[in-house]
Structures are given as C-alpha cells and as structure tokens.
Amino acid sequence: MTHSPSDISHLLETHGLAPRRAFGQNFVVDPNTVRRIARLADVGPGDFVLEIGAGLGSLTLALAETGANIVAIEIDNGVVEVLREVVRDLPNVEVIHGDALLLDWAPLVARSAKWHVVANLPYNVATPLVADLLDKAPAVDHMLVMVQKEVAERFVATARTPAYGAVSVKIAYWATAKMVGDVPASVFIPKPNVASALVDIRRHASPAVANVDPQQLFTLVRAGFAQRRKMLRRCLSAMVTPAAFTKADVSPEARAEELDIQAWGRLCVAIDS
C-alpha cells in the first residue's frame, strides 16, 4: 500500500511539517506513479536498493512491495522520524538519517556487490549526486532517477545537441543513459513549476575509453565546457598543445559540445604522450 494525496497531507499536518524549499522537497502523492517507478526499476527479492531522499515514504513503500532490500536515506530531521514510523513494520527497509552528498558510500554498499539507486532527486543535488555515485561507488550498477526534465535532458544528451555538457560526458564515460518516461507536476505536493522525467543509467562493464585517468579526463572536460562558446585551442591553451590536437585528431577550432566521449578520451591520451 502506498500513500495517497490525503495520506501525505495528513502526515504533514499531524507532525507539524511542511515541504522545505531548502531541501527541494516535492512529495510524490500518486500511487500509480510510484508503482510505475518500482516496475521500471526492475528490482525484486535479493536485490539491494538505495533510495535517496525518501521523504515520507511514497516510493519507499512501492519499492518494498517488490521484496527488494531497501536502504532509504533522508536528510530532513522531522521527515525522517515520520519515515521511520511509516516503514516500521517492513523488515526489508532500513532508514538512514543523513546527507547523501556527504555520505561515505564504501561501507554503506559493502553488503552487496551490486546496487540499484532509485530516487526522486531535487534539482540542486541531482547532478552532483549522480556524478559522485558514478565516480566513487562502483557497486552502484544501475540508477533510475526522477529529475527535472531539463536535468534529464543533460544526462542523456549526445555531442552536438543543445543540452550536451560536462555531466553528459561524465555519464557517457561510465554508463549508458536514456529517458524512460515523463512525470507530470500534478503528482507532487507541492506542485512544482517544471516537468520531471525518469532517467535510466546503467554502468558499463568498463569505461567507454581506456588508458585514461578519469580525474584528468574530467578536469579537461570541465575546462572545455567552462567557456563552451570558445574554440578549444583558446579555452584549453594551458593544457593542450597544437601537436596534441593533431595527434588526437581533434580540430583546435572545435568547441566543447562537438566532442563525443571518444574524442575527449583521445585528447586526454594525447596530452600525456
């Protein structure tokens, strides 16, 4: 059983709570939506799931119905106590009070070699959190995240498209990403002013380009996109020589959004050779 709009309103009123803008709280109040997310997550008994920003437990309850082992993370002091009350009779749900941006993922995910992340992520943490999990939590093999549509477009963007940016390159290095559905504003309390979308992210067996240091690669990518309207020979002048551009078969007159992950990888290799 999952929360209805009246359930969410009752929980908030009973406990003297209100959605906090600082945490980007928009609670999902539609049972069909959370069950759809749980179905798309494709998890079940024996699977381990991290739910980040669990809120009042709407999605948590739907995920628990699958039989998977759920670790629900919530930052809000008041909300986390309500969440604990909501799931207290569910043996497959563990609640952790903490800030996902500050957590040490290694000990948390040590109990399984493979994890799923299923989450409704606020705008202000979605990009750094997904990037952090890809960089630092190799046990996270799969993510299904609900984010603002604009963020979703950046996650799945390819070279030479308007939404393509540094996070698009990072995701392409570690994983494949695709949009798997839209989520209307009407399923949230409070109702946001923007549309949301679901993005499915699946980690590659090995990174998309070999023989590069990820940290060096992403430093190069960030420098390129920091001045995305400039030609690469200008914005990367302190890092890439004309000879390196030639060796990488990358035009120094190109702009950052023109390079796919393979081109960025060649450029990174050429710098050190």
Protein backbone atom coordinates (compact mmCIF):
# COMPACT_ATOMS: atom_id res chain seq x y z
CA MET A 1 0.00 0.00 0.00
CA THR A 2 1.35 3.43 -0.93
CA HIS A 3 0.46 6.98 0.06
CA SER A 4 -2.47 8.88 -1.43
CA PRO A 5 -2.65 12.71 -1.53
CA SER A 6 -4.76 12.69 1.64
CA ASP A 7 -2.21 10.43 3.38
CA ILE A 8 0.61 12.88 2.65
CA SER A 9 -1.45 15.85 3.77
CA HIS A 10 -2.41 14.03 6.97
CA LEU A 11 1.19 13.08 7.76
CA LEU A 12 2.39 16.63 7.25
CA GLU A 13 -0.40 18.14 9.33
CA THR A 14 -0.22 15.58 12.14
CA HIS A 15 3.51 16.06 12.61
CA GLY A 16 3.53 19.82 12.06
CA LEU A 17 5.64 19.58 8.93
CA ALA A 18 5.72 21.43 5.64
CA PRO A 19 7.76 20.83 2.47
CA ARG A 20 11.11 22.61 2.77
CA ARG A 21 12.36 24.54 -0.22
CA ALA A 22 15.95 24.29 1.04
CA PHE A 23 15.79 20.53 0.51
CA GLY A 24 13.83 20.77 -2.74
CA GLN A 25 11.00 18.74 -1.23
CA ASN A 26 8.18 17.81 -3.58
CA PHE A 27 6.47 14.69 -2.25
CA VAL A 28 5.02 12.18 -4.74
CA VAL A 29 1.36 11.58 -3.92
CA ASP A 30 0.25 9.32 -6.78
CA PRO A 31 0.30 5.54 -6.12
CA ASN A 32 0.33 4.76 -9.85
CA THR A 33 3.46 6.85 -10.35
CA VAL A 34 5.50 5.21 -7.58
CA ARG A 35 4.43 1.73 -8.65
CA ARG A 36 5.42 2.60 -12.22
CA ILE A 37 8.86 3.66 -10.97
CA ALA A 38 9.23 0.46 -8.95
CA ARG A 39 8.28 -1.56 -12.02
CA LEU A 40 10.77 0.29 -14.26
CA ALA A 41 13.47 -0.23 -11.62
CA ASP A 42 13.10 -3.97 -12.25
CA VAL A 43 14.09 -4.99 -8.73
CA GLY A 44 12.90 -7.85 -6.58
CA PRO A 45 13.85 -10.28 -3.80
CA GLY A 46 17.61 -10.46 -3.37
CA ASP A 47 18.27 -7.04 -4.89
CA PHE A 48 19.71 -4.13 -2.91
CA VAL A 49 18.29 -0.66 -3.48
CA LEU A 50 19.41 2.76 -2.28
CA GLU A 51 16.56 5.26 -2.20
CA ILE A 52 17.96 8.76 -1.80
CA GLY A 53 15.66 11.46 -0.48
CA ALA A 54 12.97 9.04 0.64
CA GLY A 55 10.76 11.76 2.10
CA LEU A 56 7.54 10.47 3.62
CA GLY A 57 7.91 7.05 2.04
CA SER A 58 5.64 7.01 -1.02
CA LEU A 59 8.27 5.45 -3.27
CA THR A 60 9.77 3.51 -0.36
CA LEU A 61 6.51 1.62 0.12
CA ALA A 62 6.25 0.80 -3.58
CA LEU A 63 9.84 -0.45 -3.66
CA ALA A 64 9.28 -2.50 -0.52
CA GLU A 65 6.39 -4.27 -2.26
CA THR A 66 8.91 -5.74 -4.75
CA GLY A 67 10.64 -7.67 -1.97
CA ALA A 68 13.99 -5.97 -2.56
CA ASN A 69 16.19 -4.83 0.32
CA ILE A 70 15.74 -1.07 0.63
CA VAL A 71 18.09 1.43 2.29
CA ALA A 72 16.17 4.71 2.45
CA ILE A 73 18.24 7.86 3.02
CA GLU A 74 16.62 11.09 4.25
CA ILE A 75 18.25 14.34 5.35
CA ASP A 76 15.32 16.15 7.00
CA ASN A 77 15.23 15.76 10.80
CA GLY A 78 11.44 15.87 11.08
CA VAL A 79 10.61 13.92 7.95
CA VAL A 80 12.99 11.07 8.77
CA GLU A 81 11.11 10.33 12.00
CA VAL A 82 7.83 10.10 10.09
CA LEU A 83 9.50 7.88 7.52
CA ARG A 84 10.68 5.53 10.26
CA GLU A 85 7.11 5.33 11.56
CA VAL A 86 5.74 4.64 8.06
CA VAL A 87 8.10 1.69 7.42
CA ARG A 88 8.47 0.35 10.97
CA ASP A 89 6.71 -2.94 10.15
CA LEU A 90 8.65 -3.58 6.95
CA PRO A 91 11.63 -5.92 7.61
CA ASN A 92 13.21 -5.21 4.21
CA VAL A 93 13.52 -1.43 4.75
CA GLU A 94 16.32 0.32 6.64
CA VAL A 95 16.23 4.09 7.18
CA ILE A 96 19.41 6.18 7.38
CA HIS A 97 19.34 9.80 8.52
CA GLY A 98 21.99 11.65 6.56
CA ASP A 99 23.03 13.91 3.70
CA ALA A 100 23.65 11.81 0.59
CA LEU A 101 26.18 14.35 -0.69
CA LEU A 102 28.35 13.76 2.38
CA LEU A 103 27.99 10.01 2.87
CA ASP A 104 30.92 7.62 2.62
CA TRP A 105 29.44 5.17 0.13
CA ALA A 106 32.04 2.40 0.53
CA PRO A 107 30.94 0.97 3.90
CA LEU A 108 27.29 1.50 3.09
CA VAL A 109 27.32 -0.56 -0.10
CA ALA A 110 29.79 -3.20 1.16
CA ARG A 111 26.98 -5.64 1.91
CA SER A 112 26.38 -6.37 -1.80
CA ALA A 113 28.47 -6.37 -4.98
CA LYS A 114 25.64 -4.79 -6.94
CA TRP A 115 23.25 -1.98 -6.03
CA HIS A 116 20.39 -0.13 -7.65
CA VAL A 117 19.69 3.52 -6.89
CA VAL A 118 16.05 4.55 -7.23
CA ALA A 119 15.29 8.11 -6.24
CA ASN A 120 13.30 11.30 -6.67
CA LEU A 121 16.18 13.79 -6.73
CA PRO A 122 15.80 17.53 -6.11
CA TYR A 123 17.19 19.86 -8.76
CA ASN A 124 20.01 21.19 -6.58
CA VAL A 125 21.55 17.79 -5.81
CA ALA A 126 20.73 15.65 -8.84
CA THR A 127 23.81 16.36 -10.94
CA PRO A 128 26.50 16.25 -8.21
CA LEU A 129 24.93 13.17 -6.63
CA VAL A 130 24.74 11.14 -9.84
CA ALA A 131 28.30 12.19 -10.70
CA ASP A 132 29.51 11.25 -7.22
CA LEU A 133 27.92 7.80 -7.37
CA LEU A 134 29.45 7.11 -10.77
CA ASP A 135 32.89 8.24 -9.64
CA LYS A 136 33.01 6.80 -6.13
CA ALA A 137 30.55 3.92 -5.84
CA PRO A 138 31.36 1.26 -8.44
CA ALA A 139 28.99 -1.15 -6.68
CA VAL A 140 26.12 1.05 -7.90
CA ASP A 141 25.48 -0.71 -11.17
CA HIS A 142 22.14 0.84 -12.05
CA MET A 143 20.23 4.06 -11.33
CA LEU A 144 16.66 5.05 -12.05
CA VAL A 145 16.28 8.68 -11.06
CA MET A 146 13.41 11.12 -11.30
CA VAL A 147 14.74 14.61 -12.02
CA GLN A 148 13.64 17.85 -13.60
CA LYS A 149 13.17 17.42 -17.36
CA GLU A 150 15.97 19.92 -18.06
CA VAL A 151 18.39 17.88 -15.95
CA ALA A 152 17.24 14.63 -17.58
CA GLU A 153 17.99 16.09 -20.99
CA ARG A 154 21.54 16.91 -19.89
CA PHE A 155 22.05 13.41 -18.52
CA VAL A 156 21.17 11.73 -21.82
CA ALA A 157 22.48 14.37 -24.26
CA THR A 158 24.90 13.46 -27.03
CA ALA A 159 27.51 15.59 -28.77
CA ARG A 160 26.31 18.46 -30.96
CA THR A 161 22.98 18.79 -29.15
CA PRO A 162 21.96 21.84 -27.07
CA ALA A 163 21.79 20.03 -23.70
CA TYR A 164 25.22 18.39 -24.05
CA GLY A 165 27.66 19.38 -21.32
CA ALA A 166 30.30 18.17 -18.90
CA VAL A 167 27.89 15.91 -16.98
CA SER A 168 26.79 14.32 -20.28
CA VAL A 169 30.41 13.38 -20.97
CA LYS A 170 30.92 12.02 -17.46
CA ILE A 171 27.83 9.83 -17.70
CA ALA A 172 28.86 8.61 -21.17
CA TYR A 173 32.29 7.64 -19.81
CA TRP A 174 30.84 5.49 -17.03
CA ALA A 175 27.42 4.40 -18.30
CA THR A 176 24.60 4.48 -20.80
CA ALA A 177 21.64 6.74 -20.03
CA LYS A 178 18.19 7.03 -21.53
CA MET A 179 14.95 8.75 -20.67
CA VAL A 180 12.25 6.19 -19.91
CA GLY A 181 9.25 8.36 -19.10
CA ASP A 182 7.82 11.74 -18.20
CA VAL A 183 6.31 12.60 -14.82
CA PRO A 184 3.67 15.38 -14.64
CA ALA A 185 3.82 18.10 -12.00
CA SER A 186 0.34 17.10 -10.81
CA VAL A 187 1.64 14.02 -8.94
CA PHE A 188 3.60 16.12 -6.42
CA ILE A 189 2.81 18.11 -3.28
CA PRO A 190 3.63 20.94 -3.58
CA LYS A 191 3.15 21.06 -7.33
CA PRO A 192 6.42 22.18 -8.97
CA ASN A 193 6.59 24.69 -11.80
CA VAL A 194 8.52 22.30 -14.03
CA ALA A 195 8.03 18.88 -15.58
CA SER A 196 10.06 15.87 -14.45
CA ALA A 197 11.40 12.81 -16.21
CA LEU A 198 12.77 9.38 -15.38
CA VAL A 199 16.31 8.55 -16.46
CA ASP A 200 17.71 5.02 -16.51
CA ILE A 201 21.51 4.89 -16.07
CA ARG A 202 23.39 1.59 -16.41
CA ARG A 203 27.10 1.34 -15.72
CA HIS A 204 29.40 -0.02 -18.44
CA ALA A 205 31.35 -3.19 -17.69
CA SER A 206 34.40 -0.99 -18.31
CA PRO A 207 34.70 2.76 -19.03
CA ALA A 208 33.88 3.95 -22.53
CA VAL A 209 37.52 4.93 -23.18
CA ALA A 210 40.58 3.05 -21.99
CA ASN A 211 44.01 4.17 -20.81
CA VAL A 212 42.94 7.50 -19.34
CA ASP A 213 42.93 8.80 -15.80
CA PRO A 214 39.28 9.72 -15.09
CA GLN A 215 40.23 12.67 -12.92
CA GLN A 216 42.48 14.12 -15.62
CA LEU A 217 39.82 13.48 -18.26
CA PHE A 218 37.08 15.23 -16.31
CA THR A 219 39.38 18.16 -15.49
CA LEU A 220 39.95 18.58 -19.22
CA VAL A 221 36.23 18.30 -19.98
CA ARG A 222 35.25 20.84 -17.32
CA ALA A 223 37.82 23.29 -18.68
CA GLY A 224 36.41 22.89 -22.18
CA PHE A 225 32.82 23.45 -21.15
CA ALA A 226 33.65 26.32 -18.78
CA GLN A 227 33.94 28.50 -21.86
CA ARG A 228 31.83 26.48 -24.23
CA ARG A 229 31.42 29.24 -26.84
CA LYS A 230 35.17 29.50 -27.33
CA MET A 231 37.24 27.29 -29.61
CA LEU A 232 39.15 24.58 -27.79
CA ARG A 233 42.54 25.99 -28.79
CA ARG A 234 41.67 29.02 -26.68
CA CYS A 235 39.93 27.57 -23.65
CA LEU A 236 42.37 24.63 -23.41
CA SER A 237 45.52 26.55 -24.34
CA ALA A 238 47.09 25.91 -20.94
CA MET A 239 46.50 22.16 -21.17
CA VAL A 240 46.63 21.05 -24.82
CA THR A 241 49.40 21.83 -27.34
CA PRO A 242 48.81 22.13 -31.09
CA ALA A 243 50.68 18.85 -31.52
CA ALA A 244 48.33 17.11 -29.08
CA PHE A 245 45.28 18.31 -31.03
CA THR A 246 46.81 16.86 -34.18
CA LYS A 247 47.69 13.55 -32.53
CA ALA A 248 44.17 13.24 -31.09
CA ASP A 249 42.60 14.04 -34.48
CA VAL A 250 40.61 16.83 -32.83
CA SER A 251 40.22 20.19 -34.52
CA PRO A 252 41.53 23.02 -32.33
CA GLU A 253 38.76 25.16 -33.85
CA ALA A 254 36.08 22.84 -32.49
CA ARG A 255 34.01 23.72 -29.45
CA ALA A 256 33.47 21.51 -26.43
CA GLU A 257 29.97 20.38 -27.41
CA GLU A 258 31.29 18.95 -30.69
CA LEU A 259 33.41 16.27 -29.00
CA ASP A 260 31.93 12.93 -28.02
CA ILE A 261 33.42 10.80 -25.25
CA GLN A 262 35.81 9.07 -27.66
CA ALA A 263 37.23 12.38 -28.87
CA TRP A 264 37.66 13.65 -25.31
CA GLY A 265 39.45 10.40 -24.49
CA ARG A 266 41.84 10.76 -27.44
CA LEU A 267 42.62 14.32 -26.42
CA CYS A 268 43.36 13.24 -22.86
CA VAL A 269 45.71 10.47 -24.05
CA ALA A 270 47.46 12.87 -26.46
CA ILE A 271 48.32 15.28 -23.64
CA ASP A 272 50.48 12.69 -21.90
CA SER A 273 52.10 11.17 -24.98
